[in-house]
Amino acid sequence: MAENVRPRTRTQEGIVVTSAMNKSIVVSVKRKIRHPRYNKYVSVSKRFMAHDEDNTAAVGDRVIIAEARPLSRAKRWRLRTVLERAVQDSPNVKELGEASEASEIE
């Protein structure tokens, strides 16, 4: 093995739960494990704090995070890519916006 080759970093795929902080996001990663006694599959989720340098991720986005050196007390991960953007235009939001515009006209 060459000396200058870096080892492959661990990655996780999850959904952004919080992006209210500057250059930081919280990603919820879900996985299924088999229960040791009952042999049923159980969903387990864990939240990771990740570094988002350009503040590109928003709540609901599906992202890939990669393990990194410690960046702060809680941050050990970096945002690698945004796989899928969250849907921002829901029909309920449009209806509320149209209702407020109609009340301004009257």
Protein backbone atom coordinates (compact mmCIF):
# COMPACT_ATOMS: atom_id res chain seq x y z
CA MET A 1 0.00 0.00 0.00
CA ALA A 2 1.33 3.43 -0.90
CA GLU A 3 2.09 5.88 1.87
CA ASN A 4 0.13 8.82 0.42
CA VAL A 5 -3.15 6.92 -0.02
CA ARG A 6 -5.78 7.90 2.53
CA PRO A 7 -8.03 5.19 3.94
CA ARG A 8 -11.63 5.13 2.74
CA THR A 9 -13.89 7.13 5.05
CA ARG A 10 -17.14 5.81 6.46
CA THR A 11 -20.30 7.31 5.00
CA GLN A 12 -23.91 7.39 6.14
CA GLU A 13 -27.11 8.31 4.31
CA GLY A 14 -29.88 10.14 6.12
CA ILE A 15 -32.38 12.98 6.22
CA VAL A 16 -31.61 16.48 7.49
CA VAL A 17 -33.62 17.16 10.65
CA THR A 18 -32.27 20.61 11.59
CA SER A 19 -30.35 23.23 9.64
CA ALA A 20 -30.95 26.26 11.88
CA MET A 21 -27.30 26.54 12.90
CA ASN A 22 -24.62 28.28 10.85
CA LYS A 23 -22.50 25.73 8.89
CA SER A 24 -24.02 22.81 10.83
CA ILE A 25 -26.79 20.32 10.19
CA VAL A 26 -28.28 17.43 12.14
CA VAL A 27 -28.85 14.27 10.09
CA SER A 28 -31.09 11.40 11.20
CA VAL A 29 -29.82 8.01 9.97
CA LYS A 30 -32.25 5.09 10.13
CA ARG A 31 -31.29 1.43 9.94
CA LYS A 32 -32.94 -1.88 10.66
CA ILE A 33 -31.51 -4.37 13.13
CA ARG A 34 -32.72 -7.83 14.08
CA HIS A 35 -33.91 -8.13 17.67
CA PRO A 36 -31.68 -10.68 19.44
CA ARG A 37 -34.50 -12.50 21.20
CA TYR A 38 -37.57 -12.13 18.98
CA ASN A 39 -35.78 -12.14 15.60
CA LYS A 40 -38.01 -9.35 14.32
CA TYR A 41 -36.55 -6.36 12.52
CA VAL A 42 -36.66 -3.11 14.46
CA SER A 43 -36.04 0.39 13.08
CA VAL A 44 -33.31 2.25 14.93
CA SER A 45 -32.39 5.86 14.25
CA LYS A 46 -29.43 7.94 15.33
CA ARG A 47 -28.73 11.64 14.89
CA PHE A 48 -25.36 12.90 13.71
CA MET A 49 -24.19 16.50 13.69
CA ALA A 50 -22.39 17.33 10.45
CA HIS A 51 -20.44 20.27 9.04
CA ASP A 52 -22.10 22.04 6.08
CA GLU A 53 -19.57 24.64 4.87
CA ASP A 54 -21.84 26.41 2.36
CA ASN A 55 -25.16 26.01 4.22
CA THR A 56 -26.55 24.12 1.22
CA ALA A 57 -28.67 21.50 3.00
CA ALA A 58 -32.21 22.25 4.14
CA VAL A 59 -34.62 20.38 6.38
CA GLY A 60 -35.96 17.27 4.66
CA ASP A 61 -33.07 16.83 2.20
CA ARG A 62 -31.62 13.34 1.73
CA VAL A 63 -27.84 13.62 2.16
CA ILE A 64 -24.64 11.61 2.43
CA ILE A 65 -22.29 12.47 5.29
CA ALA A 66 -18.69 11.29 5.66
CA GLU A 67 -16.67 10.74 8.78
CA ALA A 68 -14.10 13.48 9.51
CA ARG A 69 -11.71 14.63 12.17
CA PRO A 70 -13.31 16.27 15.24
CA LEU A 71 -14.54 19.72 14.18
CA SER A 72 -16.17 20.64 17.50
CA ARG A 73 -17.42 18.93 20.63
CA ALA A 74 -20.31 17.30 18.76
CA LYS A 75 -19.34 17.41 15.07
CA ARG A 76 -17.45 14.39 13.69
CA TRP A 77 -19.03 14.29 10.21
CA ARG A 78 -18.98 16.43 7.04
CA LEU A 79 -21.67 16.86 4.41
CA ARG A 80 -20.51 15.11 1.24
CA THR A 81 -23.47 15.43 -1.16
CA VAL A 82 -27.15 16.29 -1.26
CA LEU A 83 -28.90 13.37 -2.97
CA GLU A 84 -32.45 14.67 -3.06
CA ARG A 85 -33.95 18.04 -2.21
CA ALA A 86 -37.03 18.27 0.00
CA VAL A 87 -40.28 19.34 -1.61
CA GLN A 88 -40.79 22.97 -0.58
CA ASP A 89 -44.05 23.67 -2.43
CA SER A 90 -46.80 21.81 -0.62
CA PRO A 91 -50.44 22.49 -1.62
CA ASN A 92 -51.36 23.70 1.88
CA VAL A 93 -48.73 26.44 1.77
CA LYS A 94 -49.99 27.64 -1.63
CA GLU A 95 -53.60 27.82 -0.36
CA LEU A 96 -52.55 29.87 2.67
CA GLY A 97 -50.57 32.25 0.46
CA GLU A 98 -53.50 32.76 -1.93
CA ALA A 99 -55.88 33.38 0.99
CA SER A 100 -53.63 36.10 2.45
CA GLU A 101 -53.29 37.81 -0.95
CA ALA A 102 -57.08 37.82 -1.37
CA SER A 103 -57.55 39.46 2.04
CA GLU A 104 -55.04 42.21 1.12
CA ILE A 105 -57.02 43.07 -2.01
CA GLU A 106 -60.29 43.50 -0.11
